[in-house]
N, C-alpha and C. Protein backbone atom coordinates (compact mmCIF):
# COMPACT_ATOMS: atom_id res chain seq x y z
N UNK A 1 0.56 -1.54 0.55
CA UNK A 1 -0.06 -0.32 0.18
C UNK A 1 0.89 1.10 -0.35
N UNK A 2 1.95 0.97 0.85
CA UNK A 2 2.25 2.85 0.91
C UNK A 2 3.98 2.89 -0.18
N UNK A 3 4.08 2.03 -0.59
CA UNK A 3 4.62 1.94 -2.18
C UNK A 3 3.64 2.03 -3.33
N UNK A 4 3.16 2.27 -3.63
CA UNK A 4 2.09 2.94 -4.24
C UNK A 4 1.80 4.40 -4.06
N UNK A 5 2.18 4.95 -2.77
CA UNK A 5 2.17 6.57 -1.94
C UNK A 5 3.16 7.03 -2.41
N UNK A 6 3.73 5.87 -2.37
CA UNK A 6 5.31 6.52 -2.82
C UNK A 6 6.29 6.76 -3.85
N UNK A 7 5.09 5.93 -5.36
CA UNK A 7 5.32 5.80 -6.64
C UNK A 7 4.64 7.34 -7.09
N UNK A 8 3.64 6.93 -6.07
CA UNK A 8 2.63 8.21 -7.09
C UNK A 8 3.26 9.54 -6.55
N UNK A 9 3.59 9.78 -5.26
CA UNK A 9 3.80 11.04 -4.98
C UNK A 9 5.78 11.42 -6.14
N UNK A 10 6.19 9.94 -5.73
CA UNK A 10 7.58 10.60 -6.80
C UNK A 10 7.75 10.75 -7.57
N UNK A 11 7.04 10.02 -8.55
CA UNK A 11 6.51 10.81 -9.62
C UNK A 11 5.58 12.67 -10.22
N UNK A 12 4.80 12.30 -9.40
CA UNK A 12 3.89 14.32 -9.39
C UNK A 12 5.76 15.14 -9.09
N UNK A 13 6.04 14.08 -8.22
CA UNK A 13 7.17 15.58 -7.74
C UNK A 13 8.12 15.00 -8.55
N UNK A 14 8.35 14.77 -9.25
CA UNK A 14 9.48 14.83 -10.86
C UNK A 14 9.59 15.35 -11.47
N UNK A 15 7.78 14.78 -11.80
CA UNK A 15 7.10 15.92 -12.68
C UNK A 15 7.10 16.84 -12.95
N UNK A 16 6.26 17.90 -11.54
CA UNK A 16 7.38 18.63 -11.56
C UNK A 16 7.98 19.73 -11.32
N UNK A 17 8.89 19.07 -11.05
CA UNK A 17 10.45 19.96 -10.85
C UNK A 17 11.03 19.84 -12.00
N UNK A 18 10.19 18.59 -13.06
CA UNK A 18 11.22 19.33 -14.02
C UNK A 18 10.12 20.09 -14.55
N UNK A 19 8.56 20.41 -14.99
CA UNK A 19 7.65 21.37 -15.87
C UNK A 19 8.35 23.27 -14.81
N UNK A 20 8.61 23.01 -13.56
CA UNK A 20 9.35 24.05 -12.96
C UNK A 20 10.52 24.54 -13.63
N UNK A 21 11.27 23.85 -13.38
CA UNK A 21 12.98 24.16 -14.17
C UNK A 21 13.42 24.71 -16.06
N UNK A 22 12.63 23.65 -16.26
CA UNK A 22 11.79 24.54 -17.88
C UNK A 22 10.90 25.51 -18.22
N UNK A 23 10.03 25.89 -17.23
CA UNK A 23 9.39 27.12 -17.57
C UNK A 23 8.37 26.94 -17.71
N UNK A 24 8.05 26.10 -17.97
CA UNK A 24 6.63 25.80 -18.29
C UNK A 24 5.31 26.04 -17.47
N UNK A 25 6.10 25.50 -16.44
CA UNK A 25 5.08 26.77 -14.63
C UNK A 25 5.83 27.69 -14.19
N UNK A 26 5.33 28.49 -13.66
CA UNK A 26 6.34 29.71 -12.75
C UNK A 26 6.02 29.73 -11.15
N UNK A 27 6.65 28.88 -10.64
CA UNK A 27 6.14 29.69 -9.26
C UNK A 27 6.67 31.08 -9.19
N UNK A 28 5.57 31.77 -8.63
CA UNK A 28 5.68 32.86 -7.09
C UNK A 28 6.51 32.59 -5.92
N UNK A 29 7.42 33.08 -6.69
CA UNK A 29 8.17 33.13 -5.35
C UNK A 29 9.01 34.75 -4.46
N UNK A 30 8.53 34.94 -3.59
CA UNK A 30 9.48 36.17 -3.22
C UNK A 30 10.26 36.34 -2.92
N UNK A 31 11.23 35.15 -2.51
CA UNK A 31 12.22 35.06 -2.06
C UNK A 31 13.18 34.38 -3.11
N UNK A 32 14.69 35.86 -3.65
CA UNK A 32 15.34 35.58 -4.22
C UNK A 32 16.48 34.39 -3.93
N UNK A 33 16.48 34.15 -3.13
CA UNK A 33 17.66 32.23 -2.76
C UNK A 33 16.95 31.90 -3.51
N UNK A 34 15.76 31.37 -3.16
CA UNK A 34 15.31 30.11 -4.45
C UNK A 34 15.46 29.97 -5.85
N UNK A 35 15.19 31.65 -6.18
CA UNK A 35 15.29 31.89 -7.26
C UNK A 35 16.65 31.43 -7.89
N UNK A 36 17.72 32.12 -8.04
CA UNK A 36 19.29 31.94 -8.20
C UNK A 36 19.67 30.31 -7.44
N UNK A 37 18.37 29.64 -6.39
CA UNK A 37 19.14 28.38 -7.18
C UNK A 37 18.75 28.00 -7.65
N UNK A 38 17.48 27.66 -7.89
CA UNK A 38 17.39 27.14 -9.07
C UNK A 38 18.27 27.58 -10.55
N UNK A 39 18.64 28.95 -10.77
CA UNK A 39 18.84 29.11 -11.84
C UNK A 39 20.74 28.63 -11.97
N UNK A 40 21.11 28.50 -10.22
CA UNK A 40 22.88 27.60 -10.94
C UNK A 40 21.75 26.16 -10.62
N UNK A 41 21.76 25.83 -10.48
CA UNK A 41 21.67 23.99 -10.63
C UNK A 41 20.83 23.42 -11.07
N UNK A 42 19.95 24.35 -12.40
CA UNK A 42 19.13 23.24 -13.13
C UNK A 42 20.09 22.62 -13.75
N UNK A 43 20.78 22.19 -13.89
CA UNK A 43 20.66 20.96 -14.58
C UNK A 43 20.99 20.22 -14.10
N UNK A 44 21.76 20.01 -13.37
CA UNK A 44 21.32 19.66 -12.44
C UNK A 44 20.24 18.05 -11.50
N UNK A 45 19.98 19.55 -11.04
CA UNK A 45 18.46 19.59 -10.33
C UNK A 45 17.68 18.82 -11.29
N UNK A 46 17.45 19.51 -12.90
CA UNK A 46 16.38 17.90 -13.98
C UNK A 46 16.19 16.97 -14.24
N UNK A 47 18.28 16.26 -13.76
CA UNK A 47 18.37 15.11 -13.92
C UNK A 47 18.12 14.90 -12.63
N UNK A 48 17.74 15.60 -11.34
CA UNK A 48 17.27 14.45 -10.31
C UNK A 48 15.55 14.59 -10.29
N UNK A 49 15.39 14.96 -11.10
CA UNK A 49 14.33 15.22 -11.64
C UNK A 49 13.17 14.08 -12.75
N UNK A 50 14.52 13.66 -13.30
CA UNK A 50 13.89 13.01 -14.01
C UNK A 50 14.69 11.59 -13.52
N UNK A 51 15.16 11.11 -12.80
CA UNK A 51 15.98 10.45 -12.13
C UNK A 51 14.64 9.67 -10.73
N UNK A 52 14.08 11.12 -9.94
CA UNK A 52 12.85 10.34 -8.78
C UNK A 52 11.63 10.17 -9.64
N UNK A 53 11.10 11.44 -11.00
CA UNK A 53 10.13 9.95 -11.58
C UNK A 53 10.43 8.64 -12.29
N UNK A 54 11.68 8.43 -12.07
CA UNK A 54 11.95 7.26 -13.22
C UNK A 54 11.75 6.13 -11.46
N UNK A 55 12.70 6.84 -10.38
CA UNK A 55 12.43 5.85 -9.63
C UNK A 55 11.36 6.04 -8.77
N UNK A 56 9.57 6.33 -9.18
CA UNK A 56 8.79 6.52 -9.10
C UNK A 56 7.98 5.47 -9.55
N UNK A 57 8.47 4.86 -11.37
CA UNK A 57 8.16 3.98 -12.08
C UNK A 57 8.37 3.19 -11.85
N UNK A 58 9.56 3.14 -11.58
CA UNK A 58 10.19 1.41 -10.51
C UNK A 58 9.26 0.94 -9.36
N UNK A 59 8.81 1.67 -8.93
CA UNK A 59 8.97 2.01 -7.20
C UNK A 59 6.95 0.82 -7.76
N UNK A 60 5.88 1.73 -8.02
CA UNK A 60 4.74 1.73 -8.72
C UNK A 60 5.29 -0.28 -9.49
N UNK A 61 5.86 -0.68 -10.28
CA UNK A 61 5.99 -1.55 -11.06
C UNK A 61 6.29 -2.74 -10.63
N UNK A 62 7.46 -2.30 -8.77
CA UNK A 62 7.70 -3.20 -8.55
C UNK A 62 6.34 -3.85 -7.60
N UNK A 63 5.54 -2.79 -6.64
CA UNK A 63 3.98 -3.06 -6.70
C UNK A 63 3.74 -3.52 -6.49
N UNK A 64 2.76 -3.19 -8.22
CA UNK A 64 2.01 -4.02 -8.94
C UNK A 64 2.61 -5.87 -8.95
N UNK A 65 4.01 -5.74 -9.55
CA UNK A 65 4.41 -6.34 -10.06
C UNK A 65 4.51 -7.99 -9.03
N UNK A 66 4.92 -6.85 -7.33
CA UNK A 66 5.53 -7.60 -6.63
C UNK A 66 7.19 -8.32 -6.80
N UNK A 67 7.61 -7.58 -6.85
CA UNK A 67 9.20 -7.85 -7.82
C UNK A 67 9.29 -7.12 -6.32
N UNK A 68 10.80 -7.99 -6.49
CA UNK A 68 12.07 -7.44 -5.77
C UNK A 68 13.94 -7.18 -6.50
N UNK A 69 14.07 -5.77 -7.08
CA UNK A 69 14.53 -6.15 -7.88
C UNK A 69 15.59 -5.24 -7.10
N UNK A 70 15.24 -4.28 -6.32
CA UNK A 70 16.69 -3.75 -5.97
C UNK A 70 16.30 -4.12 -4.13
N UNK A 71 17.21 -4.90 -3.56
CA UNK A 71 16.93 -5.55 -2.03
C UNK A 71 18.27 -5.17 -1.58
């Protein structure tokens, strides 16, 4: 049960972060530190967002098929 929730939240978080970093979603931030962090670490955060999405997909498939790939 918790594997499904973990997988879905990972997918949603990864897609949301990727859309923010590719400027398809605009965040309204009053804090300039957050904006400068996104600009400074944009490439690394994009890679982490993709890995987070793939982690969610593997977590969902592991929970659905009951495979123990990552022991």
